[in-house]
Amino acid sequence: MLADTHLRTGLEALDRRVVDAMGRSDLVVHAGDIVSARVLDDLRAICDVHAVLGNNDHELVGALPDELRLGLAGVNVAVVHDSGPARGRAVRMALRFPGADLVVFGHSHVPVDERGVGRQLLFNPGSPTQRRSQSHRTFGSLQLEKGRVTSHRIVTLD
């Protein structure tokens, strides 16, 4: 899981561990702020990518949706860039995505891996390129099998 990569020219600035993890994955969900079509193409050359539009994805308007609802390995997944403030997020996401088992989001660069309303998993992988106020750059790793999220973790890069 990725969000907030903020890359303009290519994957050269993306930590090799992220690229390697993508290469071992069936697919990547990107929660927005890819920034350029070239980077999206580069990501798609590594593995299948499901992505949503972020607030910095001006070049990708019309190419990416504002939100996604996916069925992956029997898990109902919702993806959106901005989930709003942390306060009230669990209720907001449950109301916006009532059938989702997993909601993936980005925007804040703050990693989140927590249960919301009704055991809905709320997951923000953080940013692998811009840690901002966080102590580490991060990305996410999830395993989905037979209708369940069997593993989920935030992977630190620094």
Foldseek 3Di string as FASTA:
>chain_A
DAEQQQDEPECPLFPVVVLVVLLVDQEEEYQENCQEPRHVVRSVVRHHYQYAYDPNNPRCVVVHHQKDWDQDQQFTEIGHADQDDPVPSLVSCCVVCVRGQEYEYEDPLDFDFDAGPPRRTYTYLRASRDNDVHPFGWGKDWDHHNNDTPDIDIDGDD
